[in-house]
Amino acid sequence: MKDLLAALCLVAVIEGLFLFAAPAAWKRMAEQLLDAPLPALRRMGAIALAAGLVMLWWLRH
């Protein structure tokens, strides 16, 4: 459970860093995501999910 909470905290830190360092770029990216078709967003989510799981498995073994 501690690992999950630590991971969520790191996500918040990374998101905050992007917003702090480049708010205009983050806003442009968010606007582009709103215009993206749903299947493309689903594919990007699946790729990010798979990459995260592979990296987590690799780090743990």
N, C-alpha and C. Protein backbone atom coordinates (compact mmCIF):
# COMPACT_ATOMS: atom_id res chain seq x y z
N MET A 1 0.82 -1.19 0.00
CA MET A 1 0.00 0.00 0.00
C MET A 1 0.87 1.26 0.00
N LYS A 2 1.99 1.19 0.72
CA LYS A 2 2.89 2.34 0.75
C LYS A 2 3.45 2.63 -0.64
N ASP A 3 3.75 1.57 -1.40
CA ASP A 3 4.28 1.76 -2.75
C ASP A 3 3.26 2.47 -3.64
N LEU A 4 2.01 2.09 -3.51
CA LEU A 4 0.96 2.72 -4.32
C LEU A 4 0.84 4.20 -3.97
N LEU A 5 0.83 4.51 -2.70
CA LEU A 5 0.75 5.91 -2.29
C LEU A 5 1.98 6.70 -2.73
N ALA A 6 3.15 6.08 -2.65
CA ALA A 6 4.37 6.75 -3.10
C ALA A 6 4.30 7.01 -4.61
N ALA A 7 3.78 6.06 -5.36
CA ALA A 7 3.65 6.23 -6.81
C ALA A 7 2.68 7.36 -7.13
N LEU A 8 1.57 7.42 -6.43
CA LEU A 8 0.60 8.50 -6.65
C LEU A 8 1.20 9.86 -6.30
N CYS A 9 1.99 9.90 -5.26
CA CYS A 9 2.66 11.15 -4.89
C CYS A 9 3.65 11.57 -5.99
N LEU A 10 4.37 10.63 -6.55
CA LEU A 10 5.30 10.96 -7.63
C LEU A 10 4.56 11.46 -8.87
N VAL A 11 3.40 10.89 -9.16
CA VAL A 11 2.59 11.39 -10.27
C VAL A 11 2.22 12.84 -10.02
N ALA A 12 1.79 13.16 -8.81
CA ALA A 12 1.43 14.54 -8.47
C ALA A 12 2.63 15.47 -8.60
N VAL A 13 3.80 15.02 -8.19
CA VAL A 13 5.01 15.84 -8.30
C VAL A 13 5.34 16.10 -9.77
N ILE A 14 5.27 15.08 -10.59
CA ILE A 14 5.59 15.24 -12.02
C ILE A 14 4.58 16.15 -12.69
N GLU A 15 3.29 15.96 -12.42
CA GLU A 15 2.26 16.83 -13.00
C GLU A 15 2.48 18.28 -12.55
N GLY A 16 2.76 18.47 -11.28
CA GLY A 16 3.00 19.81 -10.77
C GLY A 16 4.22 20.44 -11.38
N LEU A 17 5.25 19.64 -11.61
CA LEU A 17 6.48 20.16 -12.23
C LEU A 17 6.20 20.65 -13.64
N PHE A 18 5.45 19.88 -14.42
CA PHE A 18 5.10 20.31 -15.77
C PHE A 18 4.29 21.60 -15.75
N LEU A 19 3.32 21.68 -14.87
CA LEU A 19 2.50 22.89 -14.78
C LEU A 19 3.31 24.09 -14.31
N PHE A 20 4.24 23.88 -13.41
CA PHE A 20 5.06 24.97 -12.90
C PHE A 20 6.08 25.43 -13.94
N ALA A 21 6.73 24.48 -14.60
CA ALA A 21 7.83 24.82 -15.50
C ALA A 21 7.36 25.34 -16.86
N ALA A 22 6.26 24.81 -17.37
CA ALA A 22 5.81 25.20 -18.72
C ALA A 22 4.29 25.22 -18.79
N PRO A 23 3.66 26.17 -18.13
CA PRO A 23 2.19 26.18 -18.10
C PRO A 23 1.57 26.41 -19.48
N ALA A 24 2.19 27.24 -20.32
CA ALA A 24 1.63 27.49 -21.65
C ALA A 24 1.68 26.23 -22.51
N ALA A 25 2.79 25.51 -22.47
CA ALA A 25 2.91 24.27 -23.23
C ALA A 25 1.92 23.23 -22.72
N TRP A 26 1.74 23.16 -21.41
CA TRP A 26 0.79 22.21 -20.83
C TRP A 26 -0.62 22.54 -21.29
N LYS A 27 -0.95 23.84 -21.34
CA LYS A 27 -2.28 24.26 -21.78
C LYS A 27 -2.51 23.91 -23.25
N ARG A 28 -1.50 24.14 -24.09
CA ARG A 28 -1.62 23.78 -25.52
C ARG A 28 -1.83 22.28 -25.67
N MET A 29 -1.08 21.49 -24.88
CA MET A 29 -1.22 20.05 -24.96
C MET A 29 -2.64 19.62 -24.56
N ALA A 30 -3.17 20.24 -23.50
CA ALA A 30 -4.52 19.91 -23.05
C ALA A 30 -5.55 20.25 -24.12
N GLU A 31 -5.36 21.37 -24.81
CA GLU A 31 -6.27 21.74 -25.90
C GLU A 31 -6.20 20.74 -27.04
N GLN A 32 -5.01 20.25 -27.35
CA GLN A 32 -4.85 19.26 -28.41
C GLN A 32 -5.51 17.95 -28.00
N LEU A 33 -5.43 17.61 -26.73
CA LEU A 33 -6.08 16.38 -26.27
C LEU A 33 -7.60 16.47 -26.41
N LEU A 34 -8.15 17.66 -26.19
CA LEU A 34 -9.60 17.83 -26.35
C LEU A 34 -10.03 17.62 -27.79
N ASP A 35 -9.16 17.97 -28.73
CA ASP A 35 -9.49 17.83 -30.14
C ASP A 35 -9.19 16.43 -30.69
N ALA A 36 -8.45 15.63 -29.96
CA ALA A 36 -8.06 14.30 -30.44
C ALA A 36 -9.26 13.36 -30.44
N PRO A 37 -9.35 12.48 -31.43
CA PRO A 37 -10.44 11.51 -31.45
C PRO A 37 -10.30 10.50 -30.30
N LEU A 38 -11.43 10.01 -29.83
CA LEU A 38 -11.42 9.09 -28.69
C LEU A 38 -10.58 7.83 -28.93
N PRO A 39 -10.64 7.20 -30.13
CA PRO A 39 -9.79 6.02 -30.33
C PRO A 39 -8.30 6.32 -30.18
N ALA A 40 -7.87 7.50 -30.61
CA ALA A 40 -6.45 7.87 -30.48
C ALA A 40 -6.09 8.03 -29.00
N LEU A 41 -6.97 8.65 -28.23
CA LEU A 41 -6.72 8.81 -26.80
C LEU A 41 -6.67 7.44 -26.11
N ARG A 42 -7.56 6.55 -26.53
CA ARG A 42 -7.58 5.21 -25.95
C ARG A 42 -6.28 4.47 -26.25
N ARG A 43 -5.79 4.62 -27.50
CA ARG A 43 -4.52 3.98 -27.88
C ARG A 43 -3.36 4.55 -27.06
N MET A 44 -3.33 5.88 -26.91
CA MET A 44 -2.25 6.50 -26.12
C MET A 44 -2.31 6.01 -24.67
N GLY A 45 -3.51 5.89 -24.13
CA GLY A 45 -3.65 5.39 -22.77
C GLY A 45 -3.19 3.95 -22.65
N ALA A 46 -3.54 3.13 -23.63
CA ALA A 46 -3.13 1.72 -23.60
C ALA A 46 -1.61 1.59 -23.71
N ILE A 47 -1.00 2.42 -24.55
CA ILE A 47 0.46 2.37 -24.70
C ILE A 47 1.13 2.81 -23.41
N ALA A 48 0.64 3.89 -22.80
CA ALA A 48 1.23 4.36 -21.54
C ALA A 48 1.05 3.31 -20.44
N LEU A 49 -0.12 2.69 -20.40
CA LEU A 49 -0.38 1.65 -19.41
C LEU A 49 0.56 0.46 -19.60
N ALA A 50 0.68 0.00 -20.83
CA ALA A 50 1.55 -1.14 -21.11
C ALA A 50 3.02 -0.81 -20.80
N ALA A 51 3.45 0.39 -21.20
CA ALA A 51 4.84 0.78 -20.93
C ALA A 51 5.10 0.85 -19.43
N GLY A 52 4.15 1.40 -18.69
CA GLY A 52 4.31 1.48 -17.24
C GLY A 52 4.37 0.10 -16.60
N LEU A 53 3.51 -0.80 -17.04
CA LEU A 53 3.52 -2.16 -16.49
C LEU A 53 4.82 -2.89 -16.81
N VAL A 54 5.31 -2.74 -18.04
CA VAL A 54 6.57 -3.38 -18.42
C VAL A 54 7.72 -2.83 -17.60
N MET A 55 7.77 -1.50 -17.45
CA MET A 55 8.86 -0.91 -16.66
C MET A 55 8.77 -1.33 -15.20
N LEU A 56 7.57 -1.38 -14.66
CA LEU A 56 7.39 -1.82 -13.27
C LEU A 56 7.83 -3.26 -13.10
N TRP A 57 7.45 -4.12 -14.03
CA TRP A 57 7.86 -5.53 -13.97
C TRP A 57 9.39 -5.62 -14.06
N TRP A 58 9.98 -4.86 -14.98
CA TRP A 58 11.43 -4.90 -15.17
C TRP A 58 12.15 -4.43 -13.90
N LEU A 59 11.66 -3.36 -13.29
CA LEU A 59 12.30 -2.86 -12.07
C LEU A 59 12.17 -3.80 -10.89
N ARG A 60 11.09 -4.54 -10.83
CA ARG A 60 10.83 -5.42 -9.70
C ARG A 60 11.51 -6.78 -9.82
N HIS A 61 12.02 -7.11 -11.02
CA HIS A 61 12.66 -8.42 -11.20
C HIS A 61 14.12 -8.29 -11.41
